[in-house]
């Protein structure tokens, strides 16, 4: 992968119009947090491409999932590392393959 994602943790910000932001604390700025927008998730409104949520609740759920992505990726990598040590078991081999595919999908270049 040539690019890296914005490091976590990410949080779901407040609603702003028809969007909700996924944010990262970029560090203090003048004594208060400085927030970096990682993503803007549609929560209501007309369909724009394939990513627009058709309901406010679906949009908020999408934002929560996006905000959890860095921790989910780190957890998947940790689980994969632990499972790779137990590759004699066929069930474990299947789990390893699923995790490898999910991590590759998260890190692939578009």
Foldseek 3Di string as FASTA:
>chain_A
DPDDADADQWDWADDDVQWIFIWHFPDDDPRDTDIDTRDIFGQDDDDDPPRHDPHNVVRVVVSVVVNCVNVVLVVLVVVLVVLVVVPPDPVSVVSNVVSVVVNCVVPPDD
